[in-house]
Amino acid sequence: MSTHRYPRRVDVAIVGSGPTSAAYARILSELAPEARIAMFELGPNISNPPGAHVKNIDDPIERAAAQRASEGPGAGADTVDHPGAVKAGQRRARPGTFLLSEGYVAPGEDGLPVAAMSSNVGGMGAHWTGACPRPGGAERIDFLADLDDLLLEAERLLGVTTQAFESAPFSGMVRELLAEQVDSGRAAAYRVQPMPLAVHRRSDGALVWSGADVVMGEATRSNKNFTLFDNSLVLRVLTEEGTACGIEVRNQHTGARHRVDARFVVVGADALRTPQLLWASGIRPEALGRYLNDQAQVVFASRLRGVQGRGAAGNPAAGLSEQSGVSWVPYMDAEPFHGQIMQLDASPVPLAEEDPVVPGSIVGLGLFCAKDLSAQDRVVFDDQVPDYYGLPAMRIHYRLSARDHQVIERAKEQIVRLGHAVGEPLDEKPFVMPPGSSLHYQGTTRMGESDDGRSVCSPDSEIWQVPGLFVAGNGVIPTATACNPTLTSVALAVRGARRIAEKLNGSLLMSESDNRMSK
């Protein structure tokens, strides 16, 4: 972290501080340690180290304060403790996030009424569930031959493991019951298995959830050429003769504006605010903001049969007890939804007061559905109306297609089967969450194999029409995914960061050669 004495010039300016922006900082610190890197975050720092997950804050008062500080214009509004508490027609954000105040639904459309964002060092990586499944089938980006290598590197940066809850007493039983219902006819990679999670255990056994701090790692924190500025709103990406050359940033404490020149600019805000900044900068490719997609989410709950409480209750902030774990039902093209099953400390649906809950015995089931992609699903920007931060206000255009409704109905049928397989359902019908609930928005700065008007950036995440400008985050993912997207978006950031490092190292070598020749 630094005071707000912004540099005049850097090699790389990074906008945003979430996991994908952190991946750029980490890879550049490792591969181009002489490069000067500055990261600019709109929101405040809420943790020590910067970018850490709020679930790692033991004190509940401090944790709640960190969440409120992340909520930008939504700070102080009512939030919900569990997504299952959000009902149709309600617009309430989860702690640490805030909703669009307007423009979230156009007349006659479905919209994204609970589309949410965070403004803090670490971005949504300070509030996420840590689920890091690999994409499969049509979720994969077929024009990236090195995708598996990139995913492996992303797992390294995020600290992904499948063993975080290997000793949880109920999780093996749940997976066995799910497997009896699901595994027949599936290849091994698509059978029920532990969810890969970005989490590790301290020497004392306590869980530590990965945030942007883990992605940055010591390689970034010890890099004397890296600086992180919080409360710094980037207003524009600057260009000269069509090439990125820096940013204009506003100190949120003083209101003063500054120009920071840069050889490369990386915009890694989120899938809504990254295209917003490009638009505000006059960078408006045809596909910008289009192919916006969320994952329709169906939830259900069951009580495990014949279980008794065992072990410690664990940290309630995590939403998981030490009896708990997270099981994964992978996406398949034939079944275009991805399952996340976790044992909750409290039911996502109301229970009678006299109905005792054995810790870990209530299983929350969630199926995420792959969207039917359309260029008409988009976020657009109103140059005449400023938002809370003074940027062009967002307007969402979003519809669920006939195919989307068919997939949701299939997911509802499947989740009821899974609920009966693992226990006694707590309700007769599953619940479809309001659009935007997944927080997995994608596609608005999508990657493409060629500049055909349907993509915003190259396979290296560089904007087609603006050399030197790279984008990061879930918005870069071009496929319709059902799985949690963070691992994939970090993998794509690795590819972009490697490309910048390659360019930087080449130019630095040329500079050193020129200096030797001049002597």
Protein backbone atom coordinates (compact mmCIF):
# COMPACT_ATOMS: atom_id res chain seq x y z
CA MET A 1 0.00 0.00 0.00
CA SER A 2 1.08 3.59 -0.55
CA THR A 3 0.07 7.13 0.11
CA HIS A 4 -1.52 8.90 -2.84
CA ARG A 5 1.62 10.35 -4.36
CA TYR A 6 1.00 8.83 -7.74
CA PRO A 7 3.94 8.12 -10.04
CA ARG A 8 4.33 10.12 -13.24
CA ARG A 9 5.17 7.04 -15.27
CA VAL A 10 5.14 3.26 -14.87
CA ASP A 11 5.61 0.30 -17.13
CA VAL A 12 2.24 -1.29 -16.27
CA ALA A 13 -0.84 0.38 -14.79
CA ILE A 14 -3.38 -2.12 -13.42
CA VAL A 15 -6.97 -0.98 -12.79
CA GLY A 16 -8.68 -3.03 -10.09
CA SER A 17 -7.28 -5.31 -7.40
CA GLY A 18 -9.32 -8.52 -7.56
CA PRO A 19 -7.88 -11.98 -8.23
CA THR A 20 -7.29 -11.42 -11.97
CA SER A 21 -5.59 -8.05 -11.49
CA ALA A 22 -3.55 -9.65 -8.72
CA ALA A 23 -2.55 -12.41 -11.16
CA TYR A 24 -1.12 -9.79 -13.52
CA ALA A 25 0.86 -8.25 -10.65
CA ARG A 26 2.13 -11.66 -9.53
CA ILE A 27 3.21 -12.96 -12.93
CA LEU A 28 4.85 -9.67 -13.86
CA SER A 29 6.66 -9.59 -10.51
CA GLU A 30 7.98 -13.08 -11.20
CA LEU A 31 8.81 -12.75 -14.90
CA ALA A 32 9.64 -9.04 -15.25
CA PRO A 33 10.86 -7.95 -11.79
CA GLU A 34 12.44 -4.75 -13.12
CA ALA A 35 9.11 -3.49 -14.46
CA ARG A 36 7.45 -0.68 -12.53
CA ILE A 37 3.88 -1.70 -11.70
CA ALA A 38 1.14 0.44 -10.15
CA MET A 39 -2.26 -0.94 -9.16
CA PHE A 40 -5.24 1.40 -8.67
CA GLU A 41 -8.29 0.36 -6.64
CA LEU A 42 -11.46 2.45 -6.40
CA GLY A 43 -12.35 1.21 -2.90
CA PRO A 44 -10.54 1.21 0.44
CA ASN A 45 -8.19 -1.34 1.90
CA ILE A 46 -10.17 -3.47 4.35
CA SER A 47 -7.65 -6.04 5.56
CA ASN A 48 -4.10 -6.85 6.55
CA PRO A 49 -2.54 -8.03 4.33
CA PRO A 50 -4.32 -6.03 1.62
CA GLY A 51 -6.71 -8.12 -0.46
CA ALA A 52 -7.36 -10.80 2.17
CA HIS A 53 -10.71 -12.59 2.43
CA VAL A 54 -13.09 -11.16 5.03
CA LYS A 55 -13.86 -14.68 6.28
CA ASN A 56 -10.33 -14.71 7.70
CA ILE A 57 -11.24 -11.85 10.06
CA ASP A 58 -12.11 -13.62 13.31
CA ASP A 59 -13.70 -10.69 15.11
CA PRO A 60 -17.33 -10.39 13.90
CA ILE A 61 -17.44 -6.64 14.47
CA GLU A 62 -14.28 -6.09 12.44
CA ARG A 63 -15.57 -8.43 9.74
CA ALA A 64 -18.87 -6.56 9.47
CA ALA A 65 -17.00 -3.25 9.28
CA ALA A 66 -14.85 -4.59 6.44
CA GLN A 67 -17.96 -5.71 4.58
CA ARG A 68 -19.66 -2.33 5.00
CA ALA A 69 -16.54 -0.56 3.75
CA SER A 70 -16.78 -2.70 0.58
CA GLU A 71 -20.35 -1.68 -0.22
CA GLY A 72 -19.66 1.68 -1.85
CA PRO A 73 -22.98 3.48 -2.51
CA GLY A 74 -24.85 0.60 -0.85
CA ALA A 75 -23.17 0.93 2.55
CA GLY A 76 -25.76 0.93 5.31
CA ALA A 77 -28.48 -0.79 3.27
CA ASP A 78 -30.05 -4.02 4.51
CA THR A 79 -28.21 -7.12 3.36
CA VAL A 80 -28.93 -10.84 3.58
CA ASP A 81 -26.79 -13.38 5.38
CA HIS A 82 -27.60 -16.26 3.05
CA PRO A 83 -28.53 -16.15 -0.64
CA GLY A 84 -31.41 -18.50 -0.04
CA ALA A 85 -33.07 -15.69 1.88
CA VAL A 86 -33.45 -13.63 -1.30
CA LYS A 87 -36.94 -14.18 -2.68
CA ALA A 88 -38.49 -13.21 -5.98
CA GLY A 89 -39.19 -9.49 -6.08
CA GLN A 90 -36.68 -8.64 -3.35
CA ARG A 91 -33.58 -6.58 -4.06
CA ARG A 92 -31.14 -7.09 -1.24
CA ALA A 93 -27.41 -7.52 -1.61
CA ARG A 94 -25.11 -9.88 0.23
CA PRO A 95 -22.76 -8.39 2.82
CA GLY A 96 -19.77 -6.74 1.15
CA THR A 97 -21.63 -5.99 -2.09
CA PHE A 98 -23.99 -3.36 -3.49
CA LEU A 99 -26.68 -3.38 -6.19
CA LEU A 100 -27.32 -1.11 -9.15
CA SER A 101 -29.67 1.65 -8.04
CA GLU A 102 -31.33 1.85 -11.45
CA GLY A 103 -31.07 0.49 -14.97
CA TYR A 104 -31.02 -3.15 -13.87
CA VAL A 105 -34.05 -4.15 -15.96
CA ALA A 106 -35.52 -2.77 -19.18
CA PRO A 107 -39.31 -2.84 -19.78
CA GLY A 108 -40.49 -6.28 -20.85
CA GLU A 109 -37.15 -7.96 -20.07
CA ASP A 110 -35.87 -10.15 -17.22
CA GLY A 111 -32.93 -7.90 -16.39
CA LEU A 112 -30.46 -8.57 -13.59
CA PRO A 113 -32.29 -7.17 -10.57
CA VAL A 114 -29.68 -8.37 -8.04
CA ALA A 115 -26.52 -7.79 -10.08
CA ALA A 116 -23.95 -6.87 -7.44
CA MET A 117 -20.46 -5.41 -7.17
CA SER A 118 -17.84 -4.69 -4.50
CA SER A 119 -15.50 -1.72 -4.12
CA ASN A 120 -12.51 -2.66 -1.97
CA VAL A 121 -8.93 -3.84 -2.23
CA GLY A 122 -9.27 -7.47 -3.31
CA GLY A 123 -12.57 -6.90 -5.11
CA MET A 124 -15.07 -9.73 -4.98
CA GLY A 125 -12.14 -12.00 -4.08
CA ALA A 126 -12.56 -10.72 -0.52
CA HIS A 127 -16.13 -12.09 -0.40
CA TRP A 128 -16.35 -15.12 -2.73
CA THR A 129 -17.00 -18.80 -1.90
CA GLY A 130 -13.55 -19.96 -3.10
CA ALA A 131 -14.95 -22.60 -5.48
CA CYS A 132 -12.47 -23.28 -8.32
CA PRO A 133 -13.76 -26.08 -10.59
CA ARG A 134 -12.15 -26.55 -13.99
CA PRO A 135 -14.40 -25.99 -17.02
CA GLY A 136 -15.44 -29.01 -19.04
CA GLY A 137 -17.02 -29.77 -22.39
CA ALA A 138 -18.41 -26.69 -24.13
CA GLU A 139 -17.32 -24.54 -21.18
CA ARG A 140 -13.72 -24.84 -22.37
CA ILE A 141 -12.17 -22.30 -24.75
CA ASP A 142 -11.31 -24.50 -27.71
CA PHE A 143 -8.92 -22.08 -29.43
CA LEU A 144 -6.53 -22.02 -26.45
CA ALA A 145 -4.24 -25.02 -26.86
CA ASP A 146 -2.48 -24.14 -23.59
CA LEU A 147 -5.66 -23.91 -21.49
CA ASP A 148 -4.76 -26.80 -19.18
CA ASP A 149 -1.33 -25.31 -18.48
CA LEU A 150 -2.98 -21.98 -17.71
CA LEU A 151 -5.53 -23.60 -15.39
CA LEU A 152 -2.73 -25.39 -13.55
CA GLU A 153 -0.93 -22.08 -13.05
CA ALA A 154 -4.16 -20.46 -11.87
CA GLU A 155 -4.55 -23.24 -9.29
CA ARG A 156 -1.03 -22.43 -8.05
CA LEU A 157 -1.78 -18.74 -7.71
CA LEU A 158 -5.11 -19.28 -5.95
CA GLY A 159 -3.85 -22.08 -3.70
CA VAL A 160 -6.48 -24.57 -4.83
CA THR A 161 -6.98 -27.87 -3.03
CA THR A 162 -9.56 -30.66 -2.94
CA GLN A 163 -8.51 -31.76 0.55
CA ALA A 164 -9.63 -28.85 2.71
CA PHE A 165 -12.49 -30.88 4.19
CA GLU A 166 -11.16 -34.39 3.72
CA SER A 167 -11.77 -35.18 7.41
CA ALA A 168 -15.31 -33.78 7.49
CA PRO A 169 -17.47 -36.66 8.77
CA PHE A 170 -20.51 -36.13 6.53
CA SER A 171 -18.97 -35.13 3.20
CA GLY A 172 -17.95 -38.64 2.11
CA MET A 173 -21.45 -39.90 2.81
CA VAL A 174 -23.00 -37.08 0.81
CA ARG A 175 -20.75 -37.76 -2.19
CA GLU A 176 -21.60 -41.45 -2.10
CA LEU A 177 -25.33 -40.70 -2.09
CA LEU A 178 -24.94 -38.19 -4.92
CA ALA A 179 -22.78 -40.59 -6.91
CA GLU A 180 -25.49 -43.26 -6.79
CA GLN A 181 -27.83 -40.79 -8.46
CA VAL A 182 -25.38 -39.11 -10.89
CA ASP A 183 -22.26 -41.09 -11.80
CA SER A 184 -23.68 -43.81 -14.04
CA GLY A 185 -22.51 -43.24 -17.62
CA ARG A 186 -20.18 -40.36 -16.72
CA ALA A 187 -16.47 -40.38 -17.47
CA ALA A 188 -14.29 -40.23 -14.34
CA ALA A 189 -13.56 -36.50 -14.68
CA TYR A 190 -17.30 -35.72 -14.63
CA ARG A 191 -18.32 -37.82 -11.63
CA VAL A 192 -19.19 -36.47 -8.20
CA GLN A 193 -16.06 -35.33 -6.37
CA PRO A 194 -14.81 -32.86 -3.77
CA MET A 195 -15.06 -29.26 -4.95
CA PRO A 196 -11.64 -27.70 -5.65
CA LEU A 197 -11.42 -24.78 -3.23
CA ALA A 198 -9.05 -21.83 -2.85
CA VAL A 199 -8.33 -22.44 0.82
CA HIS A 200 -5.59 -23.76 3.06
CA ARG A 201 -5.12 -24.63 6.71
CA ARG A 202 -2.77 -22.89 9.10
CA SER A 203 -0.49 -24.92 11.34
CA ASP A 204 -3.12 -24.61 14.10
CA GLY A 205 -5.72 -26.19 11.79
CA ALA A 206 -7.70 -23.01 11.13
CA LEU A 207 -9.02 -22.46 7.61
CA VAL A 208 -7.62 -19.55 5.59
CA TRP A 209 -9.61 -18.56 2.51
CA SER A 210 -7.73 -17.25 -0.52
CA GLY A 211 -8.23 -13.70 -1.66
CA ALA A 212 -6.21 -11.44 -3.90
CA ASP A 213 -3.54 -11.43 -1.19
CA VAL A 214 -2.81 -15.11 -1.83
CA VAL A 215 -2.70 -14.53 -5.59
CA MET A 216 -0.25 -11.64 -5.16
CA GLY A 217 1.95 -13.69 -2.83
CA GLU A 218 5.35 -12.65 -1.49
CA ALA A 219 6.67 -12.23 -5.03
CA THR A 220 4.42 -9.18 -5.41
CA ARG A 221 4.50 -7.87 -1.84
CA SER A 222 8.32 -7.89 -1.77
CA ASN A 223 8.63 -6.35 -5.25
CA LYS A 224 10.11 -2.89 -4.71
CA ASN A 225 8.76 -1.88 -8.12
CA PHE A 226 5.12 -2.64 -7.24
CA THR A 227 2.77 -0.15 -5.56
CA LEU A 228 -0.92 -0.48 -4.69
CA PHE A 229 -3.07 2.65 -4.38
CA ASP A 230 -6.51 2.37 -2.77
CA ASN A 231 -9.32 4.95 -2.94
CA SER A 232 -8.17 5.74 -6.47
CA LEU A 233 -10.83 5.95 -9.18
CA VAL A 234 -9.55 5.51 -12.72
CA LEU A 235 -11.67 7.77 -14.91
CA ARG A 236 -10.17 7.09 -18.33
CA VAL A 237 -7.69 4.95 -20.18
CA LEU A 238 -5.50 7.31 -22.20
CA THR A 239 -4.46 6.61 -25.79
CA GLU A 240 -2.15 8.23 -28.31
CA GLU A 241 -2.45 7.36 -32.00
CA GLY A 242 -4.67 4.43 -31.06
CA THR A 243 -2.24 2.89 -28.54
CA ALA A 244 -2.72 2.78 -24.76
CA CYS A 245 -0.39 5.24 -23.04
CA GLY A 246 -1.68 5.61 -19.47
CA ILE A 247 -4.62 6.45 -17.23
CA GLU A 248 -6.35 9.41 -15.63
CA VAL A 249 -6.98 8.72 -11.92
CA ARG A 250 -8.85 10.66 -9.25
CA ASN A 251 -7.77 10.63 -5.61
CA GLN A 252 -11.05 9.86 -3.81
CA HIS A 253 -9.85 11.66 -0.67
CA THR A 254 -8.96 14.97 -2.30
CA GLY A 255 -10.80 14.86 -5.63
CA ALA A 256 -7.57 15.78 -7.43
CA ARG A 257 -6.99 14.25 -10.86
CA HIS A 258 -3.65 12.90 -12.03
CA ARG A 259 -2.21 11.51 -15.23
CA VAL A 260 -0.07 8.38 -14.98
CA ASP A 261 1.74 7.39 -18.17
CA ALA A 262 2.16 3.67 -18.79
CA ARG A 263 3.53 1.43 -21.51
CA PHE A 264 0.77 -1.10 -20.81
CA VAL A 265 -2.63 -0.74 -19.16
CA VAL A 266 -4.62 -3.64 -17.69
CA VAL A 267 -8.29 -3.05 -16.83
CA GLY A 268 -9.52 -5.72 -14.40
CA ALA A 269 -12.52 -4.10 -12.70
CA ASP A 270 -15.41 -6.59 -13.17
CA ALA A 271 -17.68 -7.69 -16.02
CA LEU A 272 -19.81 -4.55 -15.63
CA ARG A 273 -17.30 -1.85 -14.73
CA THR A 274 -14.51 -2.89 -17.12
CA PRO A 275 -16.65 -2.19 -20.23
CA GLN A 276 -17.93 0.94 -18.47
CA LEU A 277 -14.38 2.34 -18.17
CA LEU A 278 -13.56 1.44 -21.78
CA TRP A 279 -16.74 3.18 -22.94
CA ALA A 280 -15.94 6.26 -20.84
CA SER A 281 -12.48 6.27 -22.48
CA GLY A 282 -13.96 6.34 -25.99
CA ILE A 283 -12.86 2.74 -26.60
CA ARG A 284 -16.02 1.21 -28.03
CA PRO A 285 -15.58 -1.95 -30.11
CA GLU A 286 -18.75 -3.47 -31.51
CA ALA A 287 -18.87 -6.35 -29.01
CA LEU A 288 -18.19 -4.21 -25.93
CA GLY A 289 -20.75 -4.98 -23.23
CA ARG A 290 -22.45 -7.66 -25.34
CA TYR A 291 -22.88 -11.38 -24.69
CA LEU A 292 -23.47 -10.55 -21.04
CA ASN A 293 -24.33 -13.74 -19.22
CA ASP A 294 -25.23 -14.76 -15.71
CA GLN A 295 -25.84 -18.30 -14.48
CA ALA A 296 -29.42 -19.03 -13.48
CA GLN A 297 -29.26 -20.59 -10.03
CA VAL A 298 -31.64 -23.21 -8.62
CA VAL A 299 -31.45 -24.02 -4.90
CA PHE A 300 -32.91 -26.70 -2.67
CA ALA A 301 -32.22 -28.12 0.80
CA SER A 302 -32.39 -31.52 2.48
CA ARG A 303 -31.78 -32.91 5.94
CA LEU A 304 -29.34 -35.81 6.05
CA ARG A 305 -30.81 -39.05 7.36
CA GLY A 306 -29.61 -40.61 10.59
CA VAL A 307 -26.75 -38.27 11.45
CA GLN A 308 -25.70 -36.92 14.81
CA GLY A 309 -23.55 -33.90 15.59
CA ARG A 310 -19.83 -34.52 15.75
CA GLY A 311 -16.76 -32.33 16.15
CA ALA A 312 -16.31 -28.59 16.42
CA ALA A 313 -18.70 -26.06 15.05
CA GLY A 314 -15.98 -24.24 13.11
CA ASN A 315 -16.08 -20.62 11.99
CA PRO A 316 -19.70 -19.56 11.30
CA ALA A 317 -18.44 -16.74 9.06
CA ALA A 318 -17.43 -19.37 6.53
CA GLY A 319 -20.96 -20.74 6.27
CA LEU A 320 -19.45 -24.16 6.83
CA SER A 321 -18.82 -26.24 9.94
CA GLU A 322 -16.07 -28.77 10.45
CA GLN A 323 -18.66 -31.44 9.67
CA SER A 324 -19.01 -29.75 6.34
CA GLY A 325 -17.47 -29.92 2.95
CA VAL A 326 -18.32 -28.92 -0.57
CA SER A 327 -19.20 -31.56 -3.15
CA TRP A 328 -19.12 -30.96 -6.89
CA VAL A 329 -21.33 -32.33 -9.65
CA PRO A 330 -19.45 -31.26 -12.82
CA TYR A 331 -21.10 -29.70 -15.84
CA MET A 332 -21.75 -31.91 -18.85
CA ASP A 333 -22.92 -30.83 -22.30
CA ALA A 334 -25.80 -33.29 -21.99
CA GLU A 335 -26.69 -31.83 -18.58
CA PRO A 336 -25.79 -28.14 -18.88
CA PHE A 337 -25.63 -27.29 -15.20
CA HIS A 338 -22.99 -27.49 -12.52
CA GLY A 339 -23.74 -28.62 -8.96
CA GLN A 340 -22.37 -27.22 -5.74
CA ILE A 341 -23.53 -29.07 -2.64
CA MET A 342 -22.48 -27.93 0.81
CA GLN A 343 -23.56 -28.76 4.33
CA LEU A 344 -24.73 -25.57 5.98
CA ASP A 345 -24.64 -24.61 9.64
CA ALA A 346 -28.15 -23.25 9.23
CA SER A 347 -30.93 -24.07 6.84
CA PRO A 348 -31.45 -21.77 3.83
CA VAL A 349 -35.18 -22.15 4.46
CA PRO A 350 -37.02 -21.37 7.72
CA LEU A 351 -37.27 -24.14 10.29
CA ALA A 352 -39.69 -24.38 13.18
CA GLU A 353 -38.13 -23.24 16.47
CA GLU A 354 -38.74 -26.65 18.01
CA ASP A 355 -36.99 -28.35 15.06
CA PRO A 356 -33.35 -28.75 16.22
CA VAL A 357 -30.61 -28.70 13.60
CA VAL A 358 -27.64 -31.01 13.95
CA PRO A 359 -24.61 -28.97 12.80
CA GLY A 360 -23.75 -29.98 9.26
CA SER A 361 -26.93 -31.99 8.75
CA ILE A 362 -28.73 -29.50 6.48
CA VAL A 363 -27.44 -29.86 2.94
CA GLY A 364 -27.81 -26.91 0.62
CA LEU A 365 -27.91 -27.87 -3.04
CA GLY A 366 -27.31 -25.42 -5.85
CA LEU A 367 -27.33 -25.96 -9.61
CA PHE A 368 -25.91 -23.25 -11.86
CA CYS A 369 -27.16 -23.24 -15.47
CA ALA A 370 -25.21 -22.33 -18.61
CA LYS A 371 -26.76 -19.35 -20.44
CA ASP A 372 -27.94 -19.36 -24.03
CA LEU A 373 -25.54 -16.68 -25.31
CA SER A 374 -26.91 -13.71 -27.25
CA ALA A 375 -25.36 -10.44 -28.40
CA GLN A 376 -28.62 -8.76 -27.35
CA ASP A 377 -27.90 -9.55 -23.69
CA ARG A 378 -25.75 -6.56 -22.88
CA VAL A 379 -24.81 -3.67 -20.64
CA VAL A 380 -24.94 -0.24 -22.27
CA PHE A 381 -23.91 3.15 -20.93
CA ASP A 382 -25.72 6.46 -20.75
CA ASP A 383 -23.37 9.35 -21.48
CA GLN A 384 -26.00 11.81 -20.27
CA VAL A 385 -26.49 10.28 -16.81
CA PRO A 386 -23.57 9.83 -14.40
CA ASP A 387 -23.55 7.02 -11.88
CA TYR A 388 -22.52 7.32 -8.22
CA TYR A 389 -18.87 7.58 -9.25
CA GLY A 390 -19.44 10.01 -12.10
CA LEU A 391 -19.04 7.47 -14.92
CA PRO A 392 -21.70 6.82 -17.59
CA ALA A 393 -24.61 5.04 -15.92
CA MET A 394 -25.20 1.37 -16.70
CA ARG A 395 -28.33 0.04 -18.36
CA ILE A 396 -28.90 -3.72 -18.45
CA HIS A 397 -30.66 -5.52 -21.31
CA TYR A 398 -31.11 -9.18 -20.45
CA ARG A 399 -33.59 -11.92 -21.32
CA LEU A 400 -33.90 -15.60 -20.53
CA SER A 401 -34.50 -17.44 -23.80
CA ALA A 402 -36.82 -20.39 -24.37
CA ARG A 403 -33.76 -22.64 -24.14
CA ASP A 404 -32.79 -21.02 -20.82
CA HIS A 405 -36.21 -21.77 -19.39
CA GLN A 406 -35.95 -25.38 -20.59
CA VAL A 407 -32.55 -25.79 -18.90
CA ILE A 408 -33.88 -24.26 -15.68
CA GLU A 409 -36.81 -26.70 -15.65
CA ARG A 410 -34.41 -29.62 -16.17
CA ALA A 411 -32.24 -28.29 -13.33
CA LYS A 412 -35.26 -28.09 -11.03
CA GLU A 413 -36.10 -31.72 -11.77
CA GLN A 414 -32.50 -32.79 -11.22
CA ILE A 415 -32.07 -30.90 -7.96
CA VAL A 416 -35.20 -32.51 -6.51
CA ARG A 417 -33.78 -35.93 -7.41
CA LEU A 418 -30.48 -35.01 -5.75
CA GLY A 419 -32.29 -33.66 -2.70
CA HIS A 420 -34.17 -36.94 -2.23
CA ALA A 421 -30.98 -38.91 -2.83
CA VAL A 422 -29.11 -37.30 0.06
CA GLY A 423 -31.92 -36.90 2.59
CA GLU A 424 -35.33 -35.52 3.40
CA PRO A 425 -36.17 -32.32 1.47
CA LEU A 426 -37.14 -29.35 3.62
CA ASP A 427 -39.56 -28.05 1.01
CA GLU A 428 -41.56 -29.50 -1.85
CA LYS A 429 -40.23 -27.26 -4.60
CA PRO A 430 -36.81 -25.82 -5.44
CA PHE A 431 -36.34 -22.09 -5.66
CA VAL A 432 -34.96 -20.20 -8.68
CA MET A 433 -32.86 -17.29 -7.50
CA PRO A 434 -33.49 -13.81 -8.95
CA PRO A 435 -31.38 -13.09 -12.07
CA GLY A 436 -27.95 -11.79 -11.13
CA SER A 437 -27.70 -13.89 -7.97
CA SER A 438 -24.77 -16.00 -9.14
CA LEU A 439 -22.38 -12.99 -9.25
CA HIS A 440 -20.72 -14.86 -12.13
CA TYR A 441 -21.29 -12.26 -14.89
CA GLN A 442 -19.25 -12.93 -18.01
CA GLY A 443 -18.80 -12.14 -21.68
CA THR A 444 -18.81 -8.32 -21.80
CA THR A 445 -15.14 -8.02 -22.87
CA ARG A 446 -15.00 -11.48 -24.39
CA MET A 447 -11.93 -13.06 -25.92
CA GLY A 448 -11.94 -14.26 -29.51
CA GLU A 449 -9.75 -16.18 -31.88
CA SER A 450 -9.94 -13.37 -34.45
CA ASP A 451 -11.16 -9.79 -34.70
CA ASP A 452 -14.54 -10.66 -36.25
CA GLY A 453 -16.71 -8.12 -34.44
CA ARG A 454 -17.95 -10.68 -31.92
CA SER A 455 -15.07 -10.32 -29.48
CA VAL A 456 -13.33 -7.46 -27.71
CA CYS A 457 -9.86 -8.88 -27.12
CA SER A 458 -7.33 -11.35 -28.52
CA PRO A 459 -6.37 -14.72 -27.02
CA ASP A 460 -3.77 -12.73 -25.02
CA SER A 461 -6.56 -10.46 -23.65
CA GLU A 462 -5.27 -7.43 -25.59
CA ILE A 463 -7.97 -5.16 -27.03
CA TRP A 464 -8.04 -5.76 -30.78
CA GLN A 465 -8.08 -2.10 -31.79
CA VAL A 466 -5.90 -0.69 -28.95
CA PRO A 467 -2.38 -2.13 -28.67
CA GLY A 468 -1.04 -2.08 -25.14
CA LEU A 469 -4.49 -2.26 -23.51
CA PHE A 470 -5.41 -5.55 -21.83
CA VAL A 471 -8.60 -6.61 -20.04
CA ALA A 472 -9.01 -9.06 -17.18
CA GLY A 473 -11.81 -10.68 -15.21
CA ASN A 474 -14.80 -12.90 -15.82
CA GLY A 475 -15.93 -10.66 -18.68
CA VAL A 476 -13.11 -12.06 -20.83
CA ILE A 477 -14.55 -15.61 -20.81
CA PRO A 478 -16.17 -16.19 -24.23
CA THR A 479 -17.99 -19.47 -23.56
CA ALA A 480 -21.25 -20.22 -21.78
CA THR A 481 -20.13 -21.67 -18.47
CA ALA A 482 -22.06 -23.16 -15.60
CA CYS A 483 -19.06 -23.64 -13.32
CA ASN A 484 -17.67 -20.93 -11.04
CA PRO A 485 -15.58 -18.74 -13.38
CA THR A 486 -12.76 -17.40 -11.18
CA LEU A 487 -10.26 -20.15 -11.94
CA THR A 488 -10.80 -19.70 -15.68
CA SER A 489 -10.52 -15.91 -15.55
CA VAL A 490 -7.30 -16.10 -13.51
CA ALA A 491 -5.94 -18.59 -16.07
CA LEU A 492 -6.68 -16.11 -18.88
CA ALA A 493 -4.99 -13.36 -16.86
CA VAL A 494 -1.88 -15.52 -16.64
CA ARG A 495 -1.73 -15.69 -20.42
CA GLY A 496 -2.07 -11.93 -20.76
CA ALA A 497 0.52 -11.25 -18.08
CA ARG A 498 3.00 -13.60 -19.74
CA ARG A 499 2.51 -11.69 -22.99
CA ILE A 500 3.21 -8.32 -21.33
CA ALA A 501 6.26 -9.77 -19.56
CA GLU A 502 7.55 -11.05 -22.88
CA LYS A 503 7.15 -7.62 -24.45
CA LEU A 504 8.69 -5.85 -21.47
CA ASN A 505 11.68 -8.15 -21.30
CA GLY A 506 12.28 -7.80 -25.02
CA SER A 507 12.23 -4.01 -24.84
CA LEU A 508 14.40 -3.94 -21.72
CA LEU A 509 16.98 -6.14 -23.44
CA MET A 510 16.94 -3.83 -26.44
CA SER A 511 17.39 -0.84 -24.14
CA GLU A 512 20.36 -2.45 -22.39
CA SER A 513 21.91 -3.31 -25.76
CA ASP A 514 21.46 0.29 -26.95
CA ASN A 515 23.12 1.56 -23.77
CA ARG A 516 26.12 -0.73 -24.27
CA MET A 517 26.48 0.34 -27.89
CA SER A 518 26.35 4.04 -26.93
CA LYS A 519 29.20 3.50 -24.50
